[in-house]
Protein backbone atom coordinates (compact mmCIF):
# COMPACT_ATOMS: atom_id res chain seq x y z
CA MET A 1 84.62 11.65 -73.93
CA ARG A 2 80.71 11.27 -73.54
CA ALA A 3 79.35 13.86 -70.88
CA MET A 4 76.20 12.77 -69.41
CA GLN A 5 73.38 15.07 -68.83
CA THR A 6 71.68 13.93 -65.98
CA LEU A 7 68.53 15.68 -63.18
CA GLU A 8 69.83 18.14 -60.29
CA LEU A 9 68.05 18.43 -57.10
CA LEU A 10 66.17 21.57 -58.07
CA GLU A 11 64.48 19.54 -61.11
CA ALA A 12 63.35 16.82 -58.81
CA GLU A 13 61.92 19.27 -56.58
CA ARG A 14 59.58 20.68 -59.15
CA ALA A 15 58.58 17.44 -59.90
CA VAL A 16 58.02 16.50 -56.31
CA VAL A 17 55.96 19.85 -55.80
CA ALA A 18 53.92 18.87 -59.15
CA MET A 19 53.02 15.55 -58.14
CA ARG A 20 51.70 16.51 -54.27
CA ALA A 21 49.64 18.73 -56.25
CA ALA A 22 48.03 15.98 -57.76
CA LEU A 23 47.82 14.03 -55.17
CA GLY A 24 46.25 16.15 -52.76
CA GLU A 25 45.92 14.42 -49.36
CA THR A 26 46.30 10.77 -50.61
CA PRO A 27 49.54 8.90 -49.37
CA ALA A 28 52.15 7.89 -51.81
CA VAL A 29 55.82 7.73 -52.02
CA LEU A 30 57.57 9.72 -54.69
CA CYS A 31 61.05 9.32 -56.24
CA VAL A 32 63.18 11.22 -58.70
CA ALA A 33 66.35 10.05 -59.56
CA ASP A 34 68.94 10.87 -61.96
CA ALA A 35 70.02 9.33 -64.97
CA HIS A 36 71.88 6.31 -63.53
CA GLY A 37 68.50 5.36 -61.66
CA ASP A 38 70.34 6.61 -58.35
CA PRO A 39 67.61 8.60 -55.98
CA LEU A 40 68.16 13.13 -55.96
CA LEU A 41 64.84 13.11 -53.93
CA VAL A 42 62.32 10.62 -52.01
CA VAL A 43 59.43 11.65 -50.26
CA ARG A 44 57.03 9.38 -48.31
CA LEU A 45 53.81 11.47 -47.71
CA SER A 46 51.98 10.84 -44.41
CA GLY A 47 50.28 7.63 -44.11
CA ALA A 48 52.38 5.97 -47.19
CA LYS A 49 53.23 2.31 -46.35
CA ALA A 50 57.16 1.92 -45.74
CA SER A 51 56.97 -0.76 -48.45
CA SER A 52 56.14 1.65 -51.00
CA VAL A 53 59.37 3.40 -50.21
CA THR A 54 61.61 0.43 -51.71
CA ILE A 55 58.95 0.13 -54.75
CA ALA A 56 59.35 3.40 -55.83
CA LEU A 57 62.85 3.66 -55.64
CA ASN A 58 62.90 0.60 -57.92
CA LYS A 59 60.65 1.75 -60.20
CA ALA A 60 62.69 4.87 -60.93
CA TYR A 61 65.79 2.93 -61.21
CA THR A 62 64.05 0.43 -64.00
CA ALA A 63 62.34 3.48 -65.72
CA ALA A 64 66.42 5.15 -65.80
CA ARG A 65 68.36 1.82 -66.58
CA GLU A 66 66.08 0.64 -69.30
CA ARG A 67 64.88 4.01 -70.57
CA VAL A 68 61.29 2.98 -71.04
CA ARG A 69 58.32 3.18 -68.50
CA THR A 70 57.94 0.59 -65.95
CA TYR A 71 54.17 0.15 -67.01
CA ASP A 72 55.45 -0.95 -70.82
CA ILE A 73 58.13 -3.47 -69.33
CA GLY A 74 55.40 -5.19 -67.40
CA GLN A 75 52.72 -5.06 -70.48
CA ARG A 76 55.36 -6.73 -72.81
CA TYR A 77 55.78 -9.64 -70.50
CA LYS A 78 52.13 -10.20 -69.65
CA ASN A 79 51.08 -9.53 -73.41
CA ALA A 80 53.63 -12.42 -74.23
CA GLY A 81 51.91 -14.74 -72.31
CA GLU A 82 55.50 -14.93 -70.15
CA ALA A 83 55.91 -15.41 -66.50
CA PHE A 84 57.00 -12.29 -65.00
CA ASP A 85 60.16 -12.69 -63.82
CA LEU A 86 62.79 -9.83 -64.54
CA ALA A 87 65.25 -11.74 -63.43
CA TYR A 88 66.14 -12.11 -67.12
CA TYR A 89 67.70 -8.54 -66.63
CA GLY A 90 70.02 -9.68 -63.99
CA ASP A 91 68.92 -7.23 -61.28
CA PRO A 92 66.26 -7.93 -58.75
CA ARG A 93 65.52 -4.10 -58.21
CA TYR A 94 63.95 -4.19 -61.92
CA VAL A 95 60.11 -3.98 -61.53
CA GLY A 96 57.51 -4.00 -64.37
CA TRP A 97 54.14 -2.25 -62.42
CA GLY A 98 53.26 0.94 -63.60
CA GLY A 99 54.71 4.00 -61.99
CA GLY A 100 58.16 4.43 -63.19
CA VAL A 101 58.84 7.07 -65.95
CA PRO A 102 62.05 7.96 -67.86
CA VAL A 103 62.42 11.45 -68.08
CA ARG A 104 63.75 12.76 -71.68
CA VAL A 105 65.61 16.08 -72.41
CA GLY A 106 66.64 16.12 -76.81
CA GLY A 107 65.91 12.48 -76.61
CA GLU A 108 68.24 11.25 -73.75
CA VAL A 109 67.46 9.77 -70.88
CA VAL A 110 68.54 12.40 -68.01
CA GLY A 111 66.86 10.62 -64.78
CA SER A 112 63.13 9.20 -63.83
CA VAL A 113 60.39 9.55 -61.89
CA GLY A 114 59.00 6.66 -59.47
CA VAL A 115 55.62 6.50 -57.60
CA SER A 116 54.31 4.07 -55.29
CA GLY A 117 51.43 3.48 -52.79
CA LEU A 118 48.23 3.92 -55.05
CA PRO A 119 46.59 1.79 -57.53
CA GLU A 120 49.19 0.82 -60.77
CA LEU A 121 47.21 3.28 -63.25
CA GLU A 122 47.36 6.24 -60.50
CA ASP A 123 51.11 5.10 -59.86
CA GLN A 124 51.64 6.05 -63.65
CA ARG A 125 49.49 8.78 -64.08
CA ILE A 126 51.49 10.54 -60.91
CA ALA A 127 54.91 9.46 -62.04
CA GLU A 128 53.65 11.16 -65.83
CA ILE A 129 52.62 14.28 -63.88
CA GLY A 130 56.24 14.57 -62.15
CA ALA A 131 57.74 13.71 -65.35
CA ALA A 132 56.09 16.56 -67.41
CA ALA A 133 56.90 19.29 -64.52
CA ILE A 134 60.55 18.65 -65.14
CA ILE A 135 60.89 18.76 -68.53
CA GLY A 136 58.13 21.86 -68.73
């Protein structure tokens, strides 16, 4: 039997603190998920759109499940010239917008971070800050 490593609430809180510091007063939704992509902590900062909650959750879910950055998934489709239809994966929650980052410890994905509410590359940058805060 294989034991799975996964993030816990303490690591999720550390990531959110780092992301909030990087954001300042900028509104966004921050999500930290476990190794399965299920949310551990979701924070909707004042002024963030309600629709950004679902998007942040889906970014974290996709990054954990696919074990790659959501930005990279989107670029793969964009660069291939294919229609961006993630139904190929069989899960409507999968997204290919930047802002979802897997968290790796010892090469194993133990969770993920999802950010929504900013331009795509800013979502990605803030998510990377959150992931880095977890792994130290």
